[in-house]
Amino acid sequence: PSASFMKLAKNFKRGELSLIFQLRSGISPLRTYLHKIGKATTTTCRACRQAPETLNHIFFECPKYQLARRLLKRKLGRAALDPATLLSSKYALRHTLTFLRRTK
């Protein structure tokens, strides 16, 4: 990890950091990756069953996560529309983790 990520790491628990690092690297518990490595039979979103379960789908498209997404946007404003900010800004990461807990 970069020095900036290590500086950011001081503010989070190990499990939170693990999830953040997984999402940032693309090696995550999302079905698109799990299917790619043979650990899931489908790429379909577990929540809506309408589209591939990608980071973009979870954060911006899945109809099942509309309420959690609205709460995230209320906290972060325009920053909630930028995946890079959601996974790198110290302030945004707190709210991103809350979003991920809400959406399971």
C-alpha atoms as a PDB file:
ATOM      1  CA  PRO A   1       0.000   0.000   0.000  1.00  0.00           C
ATOM      2  CA  SER A   2       1.048   3.568  -0.632  1.00  0.00           C
ATOM      3  CA  ALA A   3       2.238   5.912   2.108  1.00  0.00           C
ATOM      4  CA  SER A   4      -0.967   7.927   1.793  1.00  0.00           C
ATOM      5  CA  PHE A   5      -3.058   4.779   2.300  1.00  0.00           C
ATOM      6  CA  MET A   6      -0.983   3.823   5.339  1.00  0.00           C
ATOM      7  CA  LYS A   7      -1.550   7.290   6.803  1.00  0.00           C
ATOM      8  CA  LEU A   8      -5.258   6.879   6.191  1.00  0.00           C
ATOM      9  CA  ALA A   9      -5.164   3.381   7.743  1.00  0.00           C
ATOM     10  CA  LYS A  10      -4.572   4.701  11.234  1.00  0.00           C
ATOM     11  CA  ASN A  11      -8.211   5.790  11.391  1.00  0.00           C
ATOM     12  CA  PHE A  12      -9.858   2.429  10.703  1.00  0.00           C
ATOM     13  CA  LYS A  13     -10.144  -1.092  12.112  1.00  0.00           C
ATOM     14  CA  ARG A  14      -8.425  -4.025  10.433  1.00  0.00           C
ATOM     15  CA  GLY A  15     -11.649  -5.455   8.965  1.00  0.00           C
ATOM     16  CA  GLU A  16     -12.649  -2.083   7.581  1.00  0.00           C
ATOM     17  CA  LEU A  17      -9.224  -1.626   6.017  1.00  0.00           C
ATOM     18  CA  SER A  18      -9.389  -5.078   4.498  1.00  0.00           C
ATOM     19  CA  LEU A  19     -12.702  -4.309   2.807  1.00  0.00           C
ATOM     20  CA  ILE A  20     -11.494  -0.906   1.594  1.00  0.00           C
ATOM     21  CA  PHE A  21      -8.326  -2.426   0.153  1.00  0.00           C
ATOM     22  CA  GLN A  22     -10.318  -5.203  -1.541  1.00  0.00           C
ATOM     23  CA  LEU A  23     -12.701  -2.738  -3.151  1.00  0.00           C
ATOM     24  CA  ARG A  24      -9.890  -0.443  -4.252  1.00  0.00           C
ATOM     25  CA  SER A  25      -7.933  -3.305  -5.796  1.00  0.00           C
ATOM     26  CA  GLY A  26     -10.898  -4.982  -7.493  1.00  0.00           C
ATOM     27  CA  ILE A  27     -10.298  -8.219  -5.570  1.00  0.00           C
ATOM     28  CA  SER A  28     -13.496  -8.057  -3.591  1.00  0.00           C
ATOM     29  CA  PRO A  29     -16.424 -10.093  -2.309  1.00  0.00           C
ATOM     30  CA  LEU A  30     -18.573  -8.841  -5.173  1.00  0.00           C
ATOM     31  CA  ARG A  31     -20.015 -11.513  -7.425  1.00  0.00           C
ATOM     32  CA  THR A  32     -18.285 -10.330 -10.584  1.00  0.00           C
ATOM     33  CA  TYR A  33     -14.924 -11.106  -8.992  1.00  0.00           C
ATOM     34  CA  LEU A  34     -16.119 -14.242  -7.198  1.00  0.00           C
ATOM     35  CA  HIS A  35     -17.486 -15.598 -10.491  1.00  0.00           C
ATOM     36  CA  LYS A  36     -14.209 -14.805 -12.216  1.00  0.00           C
ATOM     37  CA  ILE A  37     -12.279 -16.974  -9.727  1.00  0.00           C
ATOM     38  CA  GLY A  38     -14.886 -19.738  -9.713  1.00  0.00           C
ATOM     39  CA  LYS A  39     -16.374 -19.037  -6.264  1.00  0.00           C
ATOM     40  CA  ALA A  40     -19.816 -17.927  -7.518  1.00  0.00           C
ATOM     41  CA  THR A  41     -22.021 -19.488 -10.166  1.00  0.00           C
ATOM     42  CA  THR A  42     -23.339 -16.148 -11.424  1.00  0.00           C
ATOM     43  CA  THR A  43     -22.389 -12.475 -11.550  1.00  0.00           C
ATOM     44  CA  THR A  44     -25.958 -11.355 -10.836  1.00  0.00           C
ATOM     45  CA  CYS A  45     -26.496  -8.918  -7.945  1.00  0.00           C
ATOM     46  CA  ARG A  46     -27.673 -10.702  -4.799  1.00  0.00           C
ATOM     47  CA  ALA A  47     -29.968  -7.804  -3.879  1.00  0.00           C
ATOM     48  CA  CYS A  48     -31.879  -6.975  -7.057  1.00  0.00           C
ATOM     49  CA  ARG A  49     -31.064  -9.943  -9.306  1.00  0.00           C
ATOM     50  CA  GLN A  50     -31.197  -7.611 -12.311  1.00  0.00           C
ATOM     51  CA  ALA A  51     -27.591  -6.733 -13.172  1.00  0.00           C
ATOM     52  CA  PRO A  52     -24.019  -7.846 -12.590  1.00  0.00           C
ATOM     53  CA  GLU A  53     -22.862  -7.163  -9.030  1.00  0.00           C
ATOM     54  CA  THR A  54     -20.115  -4.609  -9.602  1.00  0.00           C
ATOM     55  CA  LEU A  55     -18.845  -1.769  -7.460  1.00  0.00           C
ATOM     56  CA  ASN A  56     -20.548   0.697  -9.785  1.00  0.00           C
ATOM     57  CA  HIS A  57     -23.839  -1.194  -9.558  1.00  0.00           C
ATOM     58  CA  ILE A  58     -23.768  -1.328  -5.749  1.00  0.00           C
ATOM     59  CA  PHE A  59     -22.877   2.340  -5.263  1.00  0.00           C
ATOM     60  CA  PHE A  60     -24.870   3.950  -8.068  1.00  0.00           C
ATOM     61  CA  GLU A  61     -27.487   1.693  -9.664  1.00  0.00           C
ATOM     62  CA  CYS A  62     -28.985  -1.085  -7.538  1.00  0.00           C
ATOM     63  CA  PRO A  63     -32.630  -0.232  -6.801  1.00  0.00           C
ATOM     64  CA  LYS A  64     -32.531  -2.158  -3.513  1.00  0.00           C
ATOM     65  CA  TYR A  65     -29.910   0.230  -2.121  1.00  0.00           C
ATOM     66  CA  GLN A  66     -31.733   3.435  -3.012  1.00  0.00           C
ATOM     67  CA  LEU A  67     -32.365   4.508   0.605  1.00  0.00           C
ATOM     68  CA  ALA A  68     -28.776   3.824   1.717  1.00  0.00           C
ATOM     69  CA  ARG A  69     -27.541   5.665  -1.386  1.00  0.00           C
ATOM     70  CA  ARG A  70     -29.748   8.659  -0.577  1.00  0.00           C
ATOM     71  CA  LEU A  71     -28.330   8.798   2.975  1.00  0.00           C
ATOM     72  CA  LEU A  72     -24.797   8.624   1.577  1.00  0.00           C
ATOM     73  CA  LYS A  73     -25.520  11.481  -0.832  1.00  0.00           C
ATOM     74  CA  ARG A  74     -27.002  13.532   1.998  1.00  0.00           C
ATOM     75  CA  LYS A  75     -23.755  13.166   3.976  1.00  0.00           C
ATOM     76  CA  LEU A  76     -21.267  13.569   1.129  1.00  0.00           C
ATOM     77  CA  GLY A  77     -23.043  15.673  -1.463  1.00  0.00           C
ATOM     78  CA  ARG A  78     -21.383  15.533  -4.890  1.00  0.00           C
ATOM     79  CA  ALA A  79     -18.523  13.433  -3.490  1.00  0.00           C
ATOM     80  CA  ALA A  80     -20.983  10.530  -3.284  1.00  0.00           C
ATOM     81  CA  LEU A  81     -20.977  10.419  -7.090  1.00  0.00           C
ATOM     82  CA  ASP A  82     -17.233   9.782  -7.402  1.00  0.00           C
ATOM     83  CA  PRO A  83     -16.029   6.201  -6.779  1.00  0.00           C
ATOM     84  CA  ALA A  84     -12.430   7.347  -6.291  1.00  0.00           C
ATOM     85  CA  THR A  85     -13.467   9.741  -3.519  1.00  0.00           C
ATOM     86  CA  LEU A  86     -15.689   7.141  -1.870  1.00  0.00           C
ATOM     87  CA  LEU A  87     -12.702   4.816  -1.495  1.00  0.00           C
ATOM     88  CA  SER A  88      -9.897   7.269  -0.752  1.00  0.00           C
ATOM     89  CA  SER A  89     -11.031  10.317   1.217  1.00  0.00           C
ATOM     90  CA  LYS A  90     -10.775   9.912   5.006  1.00  0.00           C
ATOM     91  CA  TYR A  91     -14.077  11.713   5.494  1.00  0.00           C
ATOM     92  CA  ALA A  92     -15.856   9.850   2.691  1.00  0.00           C
ATOM     93  CA  LEU A  93     -14.565   6.444   3.801  1.00  0.00           C
ATOM     94  CA  ARG A  94     -16.430   6.693   7.112  1.00  0.00           C
ATOM     95  CA  HIS A  95     -19.681   7.198   5.245  1.00  0.00           C
ATOM     96  CA  THR A  96     -18.783   4.626   2.585  1.00  0.00           C
ATOM     97  CA  LEU A  97     -18.308   2.019   5.317  1.00  0.00           C
ATOM     98  CA  THR A  98     -21.664   2.974   6.825  1.00  0.00           C
ATOM     99  CA  PHE A  99     -23.245   2.531   3.380  1.00  0.00           C
ATOM    100  CA  LEU A 100     -21.619  -0.893   3.025  1.00  0.00           C
ATOM    101  CA  ARG A 101     -22.851  -1.969   6.463  1.00  0.00           C
ATOM    102  CA  ARG A 102     -26.391  -0.862   5.569  1.00  0.00           C
ATOM    103  CA  THR A 103     -26.325  -2.758   2.291  1.00  0.00           C
ATOM    104  CA  LYS A 104     -24.543  -5.808   3.739  1.00  0.00           C
END
